[in-house]
Protein backbone atom coordinates (compact mmCIF):
# COMPACT_ATOMS: atom_id res chain seq x y z
CA MET A 1 -7.02 -21.52 -10.07
CA THR A 2 -5.08 -20.30 -13.07
CA ALA A 3 -4.56 -16.72 -14.11
CA PRO A 4 -6.24 -15.47 -17.28
CA THR A 5 -3.91 -15.83 -20.26
CA THR A 6 -4.27 -12.11 -20.92
CA ALA A 7 -2.84 -11.12 -17.54
CA PRO A 8 0.56 -9.48 -18.04
CA LEU A 9 2.36 -11.39 -15.26
CA THR A 10 1.07 -14.83 -16.20
CA GLY A 11 3.94 -17.31 -15.91
CA LEU A 12 5.68 -15.37 -13.12
CA ARG A 13 5.98 -17.32 -9.87
CA VAL A 14 6.24 -15.50 -6.54
CA LEU A 15 6.86 -17.07 -3.14
CA ASP A 16 5.39 -14.86 -0.42
CA LEU A 17 7.20 -15.62 2.85
CA ALA A 18 6.36 -12.26 4.40
CA THR A 19 3.89 -11.45 7.18
CA LEU A 20 1.61 -8.57 8.03
CA PHE A 21 1.44 -5.88 5.41
CA ALA A 22 4.22 -4.40 3.26
CA GLY A 23 5.72 -7.59 1.82
CA PRO A 24 2.40 -9.42 1.45
CA MET A 25 0.86 -6.35 -0.20
CA ALA A 26 3.62 -6.33 -2.81
CA ALA A 27 2.87 -9.99 -3.52
CA THR A 28 -0.84 -9.20 -3.77
CA LEU A 29 -0.18 -6.51 -6.37
CA LEU A 30 1.81 -8.98 -8.46
CA GLY A 31 -0.90 -11.62 -8.09
CA ASP A 32 -3.57 -9.15 -9.19
CA PHE A 33 -1.93 -9.05 -12.62
CA GLY A 34 -1.54 -12.77 -13.09
CA ALA A 35 1.52 -13.92 -11.13
CA ASP A 36 1.24 -17.33 -9.49
CA VAL A 37 1.71 -16.27 -5.87
CA VAL A 38 2.29 -19.02 -3.31
CA LYS A 39 1.79 -17.77 0.23
CA ILE A 40 4.01 -19.77 2.59
CA GLU A 41 3.06 -19.62 6.27
CA HIS A 42 4.34 -21.32 9.39
CA PRO A 43 2.27 -24.45 10.11
CA ARG A 44 1.46 -23.40 13.66
CA LYS A 45 1.80 -19.60 13.45
CA PRO A 46 -0.14 -18.21 10.47
CA ASP A 47 0.40 -14.71 9.12
CA PRO A 48 -0.85 -12.40 11.92
CA SER A 49 -2.78 -10.39 9.35
CA ARG A 50 -5.37 -13.19 9.43
CA GLY A 51 -6.32 -11.95 12.90
CA HIS A 52 -6.01 -8.19 12.39
CA GLY A 53 -9.17 -6.13 12.48
CA PRO A 54 -12.77 -7.31 12.39
CA SER A 55 -13.71 -10.86 11.45
CA LYS A 56 -16.88 -12.58 10.33
CA ASP A 57 -17.72 -16.12 11.44
CA GLY A 58 -14.17 -16.38 12.75
CA VAL A 59 -12.65 -15.46 9.37
CA GLY A 60 -10.43 -12.37 9.26
CA LEU A 61 -11.68 -9.89 6.68
CA TRP A 62 -8.39 -8.05 6.15
CA TRP A 63 -6.83 -11.34 5.09
CA LYS A 64 -9.53 -11.81 2.46
CA MET A 65 -8.11 -8.75 0.70
CA LEU A 66 -4.41 -9.18 1.49
CA GLY A 67 -4.47 -12.89 0.65
CA ARG A 68 -6.38 -12.61 -2.61
CA ASN A 69 -4.97 -14.26 -5.74
CA LYS A 70 -2.59 -16.35 -3.59
CA ARG A 71 -2.39 -20.09 -3.10
CA THR A 72 -1.64 -20.92 0.52
CA MET A 73 0.67 -23.57 1.89
CA THR A 74 2.47 -24.26 5.15
CA LEU A 75 6.19 -24.79 5.66
CA ASP A 76 8.46 -24.53 8.69
CA LEU A 77 11.68 -23.14 7.25
CA SER A 78 13.62 -23.82 10.45
CA ARG A 79 13.27 -27.59 10.01
CA PRO A 80 15.47 -29.58 7.63
CA GLY A 81 12.51 -30.77 5.56
CA GLY A 82 11.18 -27.24 5.34
CA ARG A 83 14.53 -25.86 4.26
CA THR A 84 14.94 -28.52 1.56
CA THR A 85 11.41 -27.95 0.30
CA LEU A 86 11.89 -24.20 0.11
CA LEU A 87 15.04 -24.64 -1.93
CA ARG A 88 13.10 -26.87 -4.33
CA LEU A 89 10.38 -24.22 -4.56
CA ALA A 90 12.98 -21.47 -5.03
CA ALA A 91 14.38 -23.33 -8.02
CA THR A 92 10.97 -22.92 -9.71
CA ALA A 93 10.34 -19.31 -8.65
CA ASP A 94 11.06 -15.90 -10.13
CA VAL A 95 10.62 -13.91 -6.93
CA ILE A 96 10.78 -14.49 -3.18
CA ILE A 97 9.43 -11.80 -0.85
CA GLU A 98 10.39 -12.05 2.84
CA ASN A 99 10.40 -9.76 5.86
CA PHE A 100 12.33 -11.66 8.52
CA ARG A 101 14.82 -9.70 10.58
CA PRO A 102 18.23 -9.53 8.87
CA GLY A 103 20.15 -12.74 9.46
CA THR A 104 17.14 -14.98 9.99
CA LEU A 105 17.24 -16.66 6.58
CA GLU A 106 21.00 -16.98 6.95
CA LYS A 107 20.49 -18.72 10.31
CA TRP A 108 18.47 -21.36 8.47
CA ASP A 109 21.07 -21.63 5.67
CA LEU A 110 18.57 -20.00 3.31
CA GLY A 111 20.43 -16.78 2.58
CA TRP A 112 21.17 -15.30 -0.82
CA PRO A 113 24.16 -17.59 -1.53
CA GLU A 114 22.03 -20.71 -1.03
CA LEU A 115 18.97 -19.38 -2.86
CA SER A 116 20.87 -17.99 -5.83
CA ALA A 117 22.85 -21.23 -6.10
CA VAL A 118 19.66 -23.18 -6.85
CA ASN A 119 18.27 -20.38 -9.06
CA PRO A 120 20.63 -17.69 -10.39
CA ARG A 121 17.65 -15.87 -11.98
CA LEU A 122 15.86 -15.43 -8.66
CA VAL A 123 14.90 -11.99 -7.33
CA LEU A 124 14.90 -11.89 -3.51
CA ALA A 125 12.97 -8.95 -2.05
CA ARG A 126 13.87 -8.34 1.59
CA VAL A 127 11.44 -6.00 3.36
CA THR A 128 12.43 -4.81 6.84
CA GLY A 129 11.89 -1.84 9.09
CA PHE A 130 15.37 -0.38 8.72
CA GLY A 131 17.15 -2.25 5.93
CA GLN A 132 19.73 -5.04 5.90
CA PHE A 133 22.58 -3.04 7.46
CA GLY A 134 23.21 -0.03 9.70
CA PRO A 135 22.89 0.56 13.44
CA TYR A 136 19.12 -0.12 13.54
CA ALA A 137 19.04 -3.11 11.19
CA HIS A 138 18.31 -5.70 13.87
CA ARG A 139 15.63 -3.70 15.67
CA PRO A 140 12.00 -4.80 15.31
CA GLY A 141 10.48 -2.52 12.70
CA PHE A 142 6.86 -1.60 12.01
CA GLY A 143 5.12 1.01 9.90
CA THR A 144 4.30 3.13 12.95
CA LEU A 145 8.00 3.58 13.63
CA ALA A 146 8.60 4.60 10.01
CA GLU A 147 5.79 7.12 10.19
CA ALA A 148 7.44 8.62 13.27
CA MET A 149 11.06 8.49 12.07
CA SER A 150 10.44 9.84 8.58
CA GLY A 151 9.05 13.19 9.69
CA PHE A 152 5.47 12.35 8.73
CA ALA A 153 4.10 12.48 12.28
CA ALA A 154 6.04 15.64 13.13
CA MET A 155 4.38 17.60 10.33
CA THR A 156 0.91 16.07 10.73
CA GLY A 157 -1.72 17.48 13.07
CA GLU A 158 -2.78 20.87 14.38
CA PRO A 159 -0.04 23.39 15.31
CA ASP A 160 -0.82 23.25 19.04
CA ALA A 161 -1.49 19.49 19.17
CA PRO A 162 0.85 16.48 19.41
CA PRO A 163 2.38 14.86 16.33
CA THR A 164 -0.21 12.64 14.66
CA LEU A 165 0.14 9.08 13.39
CA PRO A 166 -2.17 7.78 10.66
CA PRO A 167 -4.94 5.38 11.77
CA PHE A 168 -4.01 2.88 9.07
CA GLY A 169 -0.89 1.25 7.63
CA LEU A 170 0.44 4.21 5.63
CA ALA A 171 4.16 3.38 5.69
CA ASP A 172 3.46 -0.30 5.02
CA SER A 173 1.22 0.53 2.08
CA ILE A 174 3.76 2.88 0.52
CA ALA A 175 6.48 0.27 1.04
CA GLY A 176 4.27 -2.43 -0.46
CA LEU A 177 3.72 -0.37 -3.60
CA THR A 178 7.42 0.41 -3.78
CA THR A 179 8.42 -3.22 -3.30
CA ALA A 180 6.24 -4.29 -6.21
CA TYR A 181 7.91 -1.60 -8.34
CA ALA A 182 11.37 -2.69 -7.13
CA VAL A 183 10.64 -6.32 -7.99
CA MET A 184 9.51 -5.42 -11.49
CA THR A 185 12.63 -3.25 -11.91
CA ALA A 186 14.84 -6.17 -10.88
CA LEU A 187 12.99 -8.47 -13.27
CA ALA A 188 13.51 -5.98 -16.10
CA ALA A 189 17.23 -6.00 -15.30
CA ARG A 190 17.15 -9.80 -15.33
CA ASP A 191 15.73 -9.73 -18.83
CA ARG A 192 18.91 -7.97 -19.95
CA THR A 193 21.52 -9.69 -17.77
CA GLY A 194 20.01 -13.10 -17.12
CA ALA A 195 20.82 -12.76 -13.42
CA GLY A 196 18.64 -12.14 -10.40
CA GLN A 197 19.54 -9.92 -7.46
CA VAL A 198 18.54 -8.82 -3.96
CA VAL A 199 16.08 -5.99 -3.31
CA ASP A 200 16.75 -4.30 0.06
CA MET A 201 13.56 -2.45 1.06
CA ALA A 202 13.43 -0.50 4.33
CA LEU A 203 10.05 0.79 5.55
CA ILE A 204 11.64 4.06 6.64
CA GLU A 205 12.66 5.04 3.10
CA PRO A 206 9.62 5.02 0.75
CA ILE A 207 7.53 7.14 3.12
CA LEU A 208 10.37 9.66 3.31
CA ALA A 209 10.35 9.86 -0.48
CA ALA A 210 6.58 10.41 -0.41
CA LEU A 211 7.01 13.42 1.90
CA GLY A 212 8.61 15.39 -0.91
CA PRO A 213 11.51 17.84 -0.71
CA GLN A 214 11.75 18.07 3.10
CA PRO A 215 15.48 17.16 3.26
CA LEU A 216 16.27 19.44 0.32
CA TRP A 217 14.51 22.37 1.93
CA TYR A 218 16.37 21.79 5.18
CA ASP A 219 19.72 21.29 3.43
CA GLN A 220 19.47 24.49 1.41
CA LEU A 221 17.39 26.75 3.63
CA GLY A 222 17.36 25.23 7.11
CA HIS A 223 13.58 25.03 6.70
CA VAL A 224 11.61 22.61 8.90
CA GLN A 225 7.97 22.27 7.89
CA PRO A 226 5.73 22.85 10.91
CA ARG A 227 2.38 21.27 11.67
CA THR A 228 -0.31 23.30 9.93
CA GLY A 229 -3.38 21.12 10.35
CA ASN A 230 -5.40 21.04 7.14
CA ARG A 231 -3.77 24.16 5.82
CA SER A 232 -0.92 24.05 3.31
CA PRO A 233 2.17 26.28 3.44
CA ASN A 234 2.11 26.30 -0.36
CA ASN A 235 -1.38 27.53 -1.24
CA ALA A 236 -4.66 28.84 0.14
CA PRO A 237 -7.56 28.56 0.47
CA ARG A 238 -7.01 24.88 1.18
CA GLY A 239 -8.67 22.69 3.77
CA VAL A 240 -11.99 21.24 4.89
CA TYR A 241 -15.04 23.41 5.40
CA ARG A 242 -18.33 22.64 7.13
CA THR A 243 -21.55 23.00 5.17
CA ALA A 244 -24.96 24.16 6.36
CA ASP A 245 -26.24 20.59 6.65
CA GLY A 246 -23.36 19.52 8.91
CA THR A 247 -21.22 17.75 6.33
CA TRP A 248 -17.74 18.69 5.13
CA VAL A 249 -16.09 19.45 1.81
CA ALA A 250 -12.43 19.75 0.88
CA VAL A 251 -11.19 22.62 -1.29
CA SER A 252 -7.86 22.87 -3.09
CA THR A 253 -6.43 25.85 -4.98
CA SER A 254 -3.01 24.59 -6.04
CA ALA A 255 -3.49 26.33 -9.41
CA GLN A 256 -3.68 30.12 -9.49
CA SER A 257 -6.58 30.05 -11.94
CA VAL A 258 -8.60 27.83 -9.58
CA ALA A 259 -7.92 30.16 -6.65
CA GLU A 260 -9.25 33.06 -8.69
CA ARG A 261 -12.38 31.12 -9.68
CA VAL A 262 -13.08 30.30 -6.03
CA MET A 263 -12.87 33.97 -5.06
CA HIS A 264 -15.33 34.91 -7.80
CA LEU A 265 -17.63 32.08 -6.70
CA VAL A 266 -17.72 33.12 -3.04
CA GLY A 267 -18.28 36.78 -3.90
CA ARG A 268 -14.86 38.13 -2.94
CA PRO A 269 -13.25 38.97 -6.30
CA GLU A 270 -11.53 42.03 -4.81
CA LEU A 271 -9.11 39.74 -2.98
CA ILE A 272 -7.65 38.69 -6.34
CA ASP A 273 -6.26 42.23 -6.73
CA GLU A 274 -4.30 42.03 -3.48
CA PRO A 275 -0.53 41.88 -4.18
CA TRP A 276 -0.21 38.77 -2.01
CA PHE A 277 -2.81 36.83 -3.98
CA ALA A 278 -0.49 36.28 -6.94
CA SER A 279 1.40 33.31 -5.46
CA GLY A 280 0.37 30.23 -3.52
CA ALA A 281 2.89 30.77 -0.72
CA ASP A 282 1.77 34.39 -0.23
CA ARG A 283 -1.88 33.30 -0.22
CA ALA A 284 -1.00 30.73 2.45
CA ARG A 285 0.33 33.53 4.65
CA HIS A 286 -3.10 35.17 4.42
CA ALA A 287 -5.07 31.96 4.98
CA ASP A 288 -7.18 33.49 7.77
CA ILE A 289 -8.69 36.01 5.36
CA LEU A 290 -9.26 33.44 2.62
CA ASP A 291 -10.65 30.76 4.97
CA GLU A 292 -13.11 33.29 6.38
CA ALA A 293 -14.32 34.14 2.88
CA VAL A 294 -14.59 30.58 1.64
CA GLY A 295 -15.71 29.04 4.93
CA GLY A 296 -18.44 31.59 5.43
CA TRP A 297 -19.83 31.06 1.94
CA ILE A 298 -19.80 27.28 2.30
CA ALA A 299 -21.32 27.37 5.80
CA ALA A 300 -24.43 29.06 4.38
CA ARG A 301 -25.12 26.28 1.86
CA THR A 302 -25.79 22.55 1.80
CA ARG A 303 -23.15 20.19 0.53
CA THR A 304 -25.24 19.47 -2.58
CA ASP A 305 -25.43 23.16 -3.42
CA VAL A 306 -21.73 23.72 -2.69
CA MET A 307 -20.70 20.83 -4.91
CA ALA A 308 -22.94 22.00 -7.76
CA ALA A 309 -21.69 25.59 -7.56
CA PHE A 310 -18.02 24.59 -7.46
CA GLU A 311 -18.49 22.24 -10.39
CA LYS A 312 -20.21 24.93 -12.44
CA ALA A 313 -17.34 27.31 -11.62
CA GLU A 314 -14.74 24.66 -12.54
CA ALA A 315 -13.23 24.94 -9.07
CA ALA A 316 -11.71 21.99 -7.21
CA VAL A 317 -13.87 20.49 -4.48
CA ALA A 318 -14.66 17.04 -3.09
CA PRO A 319 -16.94 15.76 -0.35
CA VAL A 320 -15.25 14.44 2.80
CA GLN A 321 -16.46 10.86 2.65
CA ASP A 322 -16.36 7.94 5.04
CA VAL A 323 -16.46 4.36 3.83
CA ARG A 324 -20.26 4.42 3.58
CA ASP A 325 -20.05 7.29 1.11
CA VAL A 326 -17.21 5.64 -0.79
CA MET A 327 -19.26 2.50 -1.33
CA ALA A 328 -22.08 4.56 -2.88
CA ASP A 329 -19.99 7.13 -4.75
CA PRO A 330 -20.96 7.22 -8.46
CA GLN A 331 -17.39 7.83 -9.67
CA TYR A 332 -16.04 4.86 -7.75
CA GLN A 333 -18.98 2.83 -9.06
CA ALA A 334 -18.21 3.82 -12.64
CA LEU A 335 -14.58 2.76 -12.22
CA ASP A 336 -15.59 -0.47 -10.39
CA THR A 337 -13.10 0.61 -7.72
CA ILE A 338 -15.03 -1.40 -5.15
CA THR A 339 -15.76 -4.71 -6.82
CA THR A 340 -17.53 -7.91 -5.76
CA VAL A 341 -15.64 -11.18 -5.27
CA ASP A 342 -17.39 -14.50 -4.66
CA ASP A 343 -15.84 -16.35 -1.72
CA PRO A 344 -16.54 -19.99 -0.73
CA GLU A 345 -16.29 -19.17 2.98
CA LEU A 346 -18.23 -15.91 3.26
CA GLY A 347 -20.14 -15.51 0.01
CA PRO A 348 -19.99 -12.26 -2.02
CA LEU A 349 -17.37 -9.82 -0.71
CA ARG A 350 -16.90 -6.20 -1.71
CA MET A 351 -13.33 -4.92 -1.67
CA GLN A 352 -10.97 -2.60 -3.55
CA ASN A 353 -10.35 -3.74 -7.11
CA VAL A 354 -6.91 -4.07 -8.74
CA LEU A 355 -4.88 -0.90 -8.50
CA PHE A 356 -5.07 0.31 -12.10
CA ARG A 357 -6.68 -0.54 -15.44
CA LEU A 358 -4.71 -1.86 -18.42
CA SER A 359 -6.53 -1.65 -21.75
CA ALA A 360 -5.09 -4.82 -23.32
CA THR A 361 -3.91 -7.04 -20.44
CA PRO A 362 -6.06 -6.23 -17.41
CA GLY A 363 -5.61 -7.64 -13.94
CA ALA A 364 -8.36 -9.33 -11.96
CA ILE A 365 -9.25 -10.66 -8.52
CA ARG A 366 -9.56 -14.37 -9.16
CA TRP A 367 -10.27 -15.35 -5.56
CA ALA A 368 -10.16 -13.85 -2.08
CA GLY A 369 -7.75 -14.93 0.66
CA ARG A 370 -7.85 -18.68 1.19
CA PRO A 371 -7.69 -20.71 4.41
CA HIS A 372 -4.36 -21.41 6.08
CA GLY A 373 -2.50 -24.12 4.17
CA ALA A 374 -5.37 -24.81 1.78
CA ASP A 375 -3.12 -25.50 -1.23
CA THR A 376 -0.18 -27.26 0.42
CA GLU A 377 -0.73 -30.62 -1.25
CA GLU A 378 -1.43 -29.04 -4.64
CA VAL A 379 1.77 -26.98 -4.63
CA LEU A 380 3.95 -29.84 -3.41
CA THR A 381 2.45 -32.26 -5.93
CA GLU A 382 3.29 -29.79 -8.71
CA LEU A 383 6.81 -29.75 -7.30
CA GLY A 384 7.06 -33.51 -7.82
CA LEU A 385 6.59 -34.71 -4.25
CA SER A 386 4.68 -37.94 -3.77
CA PRO A 387 1.90 -38.43 -1.19
CA ALA A 388 4.44 -40.35 0.87
CA ASP A 389 6.84 -37.40 0.74
CA VAL A 390 4.11 -35.04 1.92
CA THR A 391 3.16 -37.42 4.72
CA ALA A 392 6.79 -37.63 5.84
CA LEU A 393 7.11 -33.83 5.89
CA ARG A 394 3.95 -33.57 7.98
CA ALA A 395 5.22 -36.21 10.39
CA ALA A 396 8.46 -34.25 10.78
CA GLY A 397 6.54 -31.04 11.59
CA ALA A 398 7.73 -29.28 8.43
CA LEU A 399 4.19 -28.76 7.08
């Protein structure tokens, strides 16, 4: 189980102490490009992500993706033997990712002073709901709360409907991506200074950044973006439209030239001459007229015909796909976006591939998520522990 020598993060060691999604996802992204990621779980309380969502033959499928490219071991950090072992592991690591509530590591005498003492080059990424300080720091934090607090839910949904939360881990995913970026930024700084540091990642912050200039608009104009459903306040026509065969397509006209092409395509070129057509915001204020023109044209044609006509006109369109369509989509197939991974427990698995392609030092999925504690002995043996040491740790409940 070694990373390919061409992988760009080969030689980097990451200890993944986090549970559920944001922290573990960051570790997965690092492992995808060659880092040696050691997933450390409680001996009697595995990462809850192993039980999230559907399973097959008692094996959680989400974990197969989230746990890929990670070796798994058990360790109870609250026990003396667990604490000592973690410090020994920390001395060999480049990165630790954790998502305990603030103060938990400190309660076990495993805070930054202790960790940096055994390894001054260590990067400690701390992923929490609300950050390491402030009035909410000690509250339980989950992605759903970040999606609500950030303004995402307030601006999502139909105008006359309640605020809408996403049906997947949006805030966690954005925070996972951001944590991986933050870790690499801290490692770049270490290359110059020789010293590690702490990354303080709060789930409520990356999703707010992803929402764009909402605070700036409010600060300068007092503007609060309302719920507009699938419409955009910045351009029109924009949204999803039903085809004659009962499917849906999405249309975007963020560029003025594309908006004009769409009007020619649907047989309403006279709308281009309207004074309000010249800017996206003005078009958005006349979305009823534009949606009627575009929606009516699309409703009279099958999705195949709509897609072909839009492509010929060099206008922006995409089918609204569910996972069945994604798995068969020729563009995703060409990119190998959904790739096949052989797994000893479940056989061939199809899952999302690594996040991007590098021409010279590509990443790879070397294995899917492994069973709880599968590599404990291997990792501890590499650390220099003898079989007797491992037996003693097990007897003490630390493994």
